[in-house]
Amino acid sequence: MRIASGEEVLVARVLAEDGRAGFGFSFRLDATEARHMAEWAAGVRAERPHYSPHLNHAWERAFLAHEAIRWEEEAAFRAIEWLPKP
């Protein structure tokens, strides 16, 4: 997706068997990086993935600070229609 600054980011969603959803991102457009982050967020990956910042975006800062990522701050993220719906 394209964020407000014009940069592109790959966003992944993982659904755990119990219905928990986890999201991940990659500003390097690396699907493995985004998937591992989403798996960890959904609780299906035990090890928190290593992440090196790329753009100093709010999502990166939150992840690195072990804070909740405010996904909805990007209008493009709010516009995603996930199937099945979370």
C-alpha atoms as a PDB file:
ATOM      1  CA  MET A   1       0.000   0.000   0.000  1.00  0.00           C
ATOM      2  CA  ARG A   2       1.066   3.606  -0.385  1.00  0.00           C
ATOM      3  CA  ILE A   3       1.246   5.649   2.824  1.00  0.00           C
ATOM      4  CA  ALA A   4       0.526   9.374   3.142  1.00  0.00           C
ATOM      5  CA  SER A   5       4.184  10.315   2.532  1.00  0.00           C
ATOM      6  CA  GLY A   6       4.098   8.527  -0.839  1.00  0.00           C
ATOM      7  CA  GLU A   7       6.289   5.618   0.255  1.00  0.00           C
ATOM      8  CA  GLU A   8       5.173   2.048  -0.331  1.00  0.00           C
ATOM      9  CA  VAL A   9       4.835  -0.513   2.449  1.00  0.00           C
ATOM     10  CA  LEU A  10       3.963  -4.171   2.350  1.00  0.00           C
ATOM     11  CA  VAL A  11       1.413  -5.091   5.038  1.00  0.00           C
ATOM     12  CA  ALA A  12       0.679  -8.655   6.123  1.00  0.00           C
ATOM     13  CA  ARG A  13      -2.077 -10.114   8.275  1.00  0.00           C
ATOM     14  CA  VAL A  14      -1.933 -13.506   9.990  1.00  0.00           C
ATOM     15  CA  LEU A  15      -4.970 -15.205  11.495  1.00  0.00           C
ATOM     16  CA  ALA A  16      -4.306 -17.659  14.318  1.00  0.00           C
ATOM     17  CA  GLU A  17      -6.472 -20.770  14.588  1.00  0.00           C
ATOM     18  CA  ASP A  18      -8.223 -19.251  17.610  1.00  0.00           C
ATOM     19  CA  GLY A  19      -9.186 -16.146  15.590  1.00  0.00           C
ATOM     20  CA  ARG A  20      -6.498 -13.735  16.811  1.00  0.00           C
ATOM     21  CA  ALA A  21      -5.203 -11.449  14.081  1.00  0.00           C
ATOM     22  CA  GLY A  22      -1.692 -10.050  13.872  1.00  0.00           C
ATOM     23  CA  PHE A  23      -0.360  -7.437  11.477  1.00  0.00           C
ATOM     24  CA  GLY A  24       3.132  -6.785  10.207  1.00  0.00           C
ATOM     25  CA  PHE A  25       4.812  -4.412   7.787  1.00  0.00           C
ATOM     26  CA  SER A  26       7.903  -3.980   5.664  1.00  0.00           C
ATOM     27  CA  PHE A  27       9.088  -0.722   4.138  1.00  0.00           C
ATOM     28  CA  ARG A  28      11.650  -2.831   2.260  1.00  0.00           C
ATOM     29  CA  LEU A  29       8.699  -4.667   0.638  1.00  0.00           C
ATOM     30  CA  ASP A  30      10.004  -7.919   2.122  1.00  0.00           C
ATOM     31  CA  ALA A  31       7.113 -10.364   2.524  1.00  0.00           C
ATOM     32  CA  THR A  32       9.044 -12.572   4.952  1.00  0.00           C
ATOM     33  CA  GLU A  33       9.783  -9.615   7.223  1.00  0.00           C
ATOM     34  CA  ALA A  34       6.120  -8.535   7.275  1.00  0.00           C
ATOM     35  CA  ARG A  35       4.848 -12.100   7.739  1.00  0.00           C
ATOM     36  CA  HIS A  36       7.185 -12.846  10.649  1.00  0.00           C
ATOM     37  CA  MET A  37       6.102  -9.641  12.379  1.00  0.00           C
ATOM     38  CA  ALA A  38       2.425 -10.532  11.817  1.00  0.00           C
ATOM     39  CA  GLU A  39       2.957 -14.087  13.068  1.00  0.00           C
ATOM     40  CA  TRP A  40       4.577 -12.757  16.239  1.00  0.00           C
ATOM     41  CA  ALA A  41       1.762 -10.227  16.738  1.00  0.00           C
ATOM     42  CA  ALA A  42      -0.831 -13.011  16.353  1.00  0.00           C
ATOM     43  CA  GLY A  43       1.003 -15.161  18.885  1.00  0.00           C
ATOM     44  CA  VAL A  44       1.959 -17.958  16.501  1.00  0.00           C
ATOM     45  CA  ARG A  45       5.683 -17.103  16.434  1.00  0.00           C
ATOM     46  CA  ALA A  46       7.495 -17.250  19.756  1.00  0.00           C
ATOM     47  CA  GLU A  47      10.480 -15.123  18.834  1.00  0.00           C
ATOM     48  CA  ARG A  48       9.974 -11.392  18.273  1.00  0.00           C
ATOM     49  CA  PRO A  49      11.463 -10.590  14.873  1.00  0.00           C
ATOM     50  CA  HIS A  50      14.460  -8.285  14.574  1.00  0.00           C
ATOM     51  CA  TYR A  51      13.684  -5.066  12.718  1.00  0.00           C
ATOM     52  CA  SER A  52      16.009  -2.362  11.419  1.00  0.00           C
ATOM     53  CA  PRO A  53      14.290   0.974  10.712  1.00  0.00           C
ATOM     54  CA  HIS A  54      14.096   2.160   7.141  1.00  0.00           C
ATOM     55  CA  LEU A  55      12.081   5.413   7.127  1.00  0.00           C
ATOM     56  CA  ASN A  56      11.662   6.413  10.793  1.00  0.00           C
ATOM     57  CA  HIS A  57       7.912   5.966  10.301  1.00  0.00           C
ATOM     58  CA  ALA A  58       5.612   5.944  13.348  1.00  0.00           C
ATOM     59  CA  TRP A  59       4.974   2.195  12.875  1.00  0.00           C
ATOM     60  CA  GLU A  60       8.713   1.506  12.993  1.00  0.00           C
ATOM     61  CA  ARG A  61       9.225   3.677  16.051  1.00  0.00           C
ATOM     62  CA  ALA A  62       6.344   1.950  17.879  1.00  0.00           C
ATOM     63  CA  PHE A  63       7.578  -1.547  17.010  1.00  0.00           C
ATOM     64  CA  LEU A  64      11.121  -0.765  18.109  1.00  0.00           C
ATOM     65  CA  ALA A  65       9.868   0.792  21.364  1.00  0.00           C
ATOM     66  CA  HIS A  66       7.701  -2.289  22.089  1.00  0.00           C
ATOM     67  CA  GLU A  67       4.588  -0.115  21.916  1.00  0.00           C
ATOM     68  CA  ALA A  68       1.257  -0.819  20.232  1.00  0.00           C
ATOM     69  CA  ILE A  69       1.327   0.133  16.571  1.00  0.00           C
ATOM     70  CA  ARG A  70      -1.384   2.617  15.676  1.00  0.00           C
ATOM     71  CA  TRP A  71      -2.223   1.108  12.310  1.00  0.00           C
ATOM     72  CA  GLU A  72      -5.221   3.368  11.757  1.00  0.00           C
ATOM     73  CA  GLU A  73      -3.007   6.464  11.539  1.00  0.00           C
ATOM     74  CA  GLU A  74      -2.465   5.609   7.865  1.00  0.00           C
ATOM     75  CA  ALA A  75      -5.616   6.183   5.817  1.00  0.00           C
ATOM     76  CA  ALA A  76      -4.546   3.512   3.318  1.00  0.00           C
ATOM     77  CA  PHE A  77      -4.463   0.904   6.115  1.00  0.00           C
ATOM     78  CA  ARG A  78      -7.974   1.878   7.207  1.00  0.00           C
ATOM     79  CA  ALA A  79      -9.121   1.392   3.601  1.00  0.00           C
ATOM     80  CA  ILE A  80      -7.923  -2.237   3.362  1.00  0.00           C
ATOM     81  CA  GLU A  81     -10.809  -4.694   3.149  1.00  0.00           C
ATOM     82  CA  TRP A  82      -9.491  -7.862   4.772  1.00  0.00           C
ATOM     83  CA  LEU A  83     -11.063 -11.225   3.944  1.00  0.00           C
ATOM     84  CA  PRO A  84     -12.241 -12.800   6.080  1.00  0.00           C
ATOM     85  CA  LYS A  85     -13.036  -9.699   8.098  1.00  0.00           C
ATOM     86  CA  PRO A  86     -11.283  -9.529  11.494  1.00  0.00           C
END
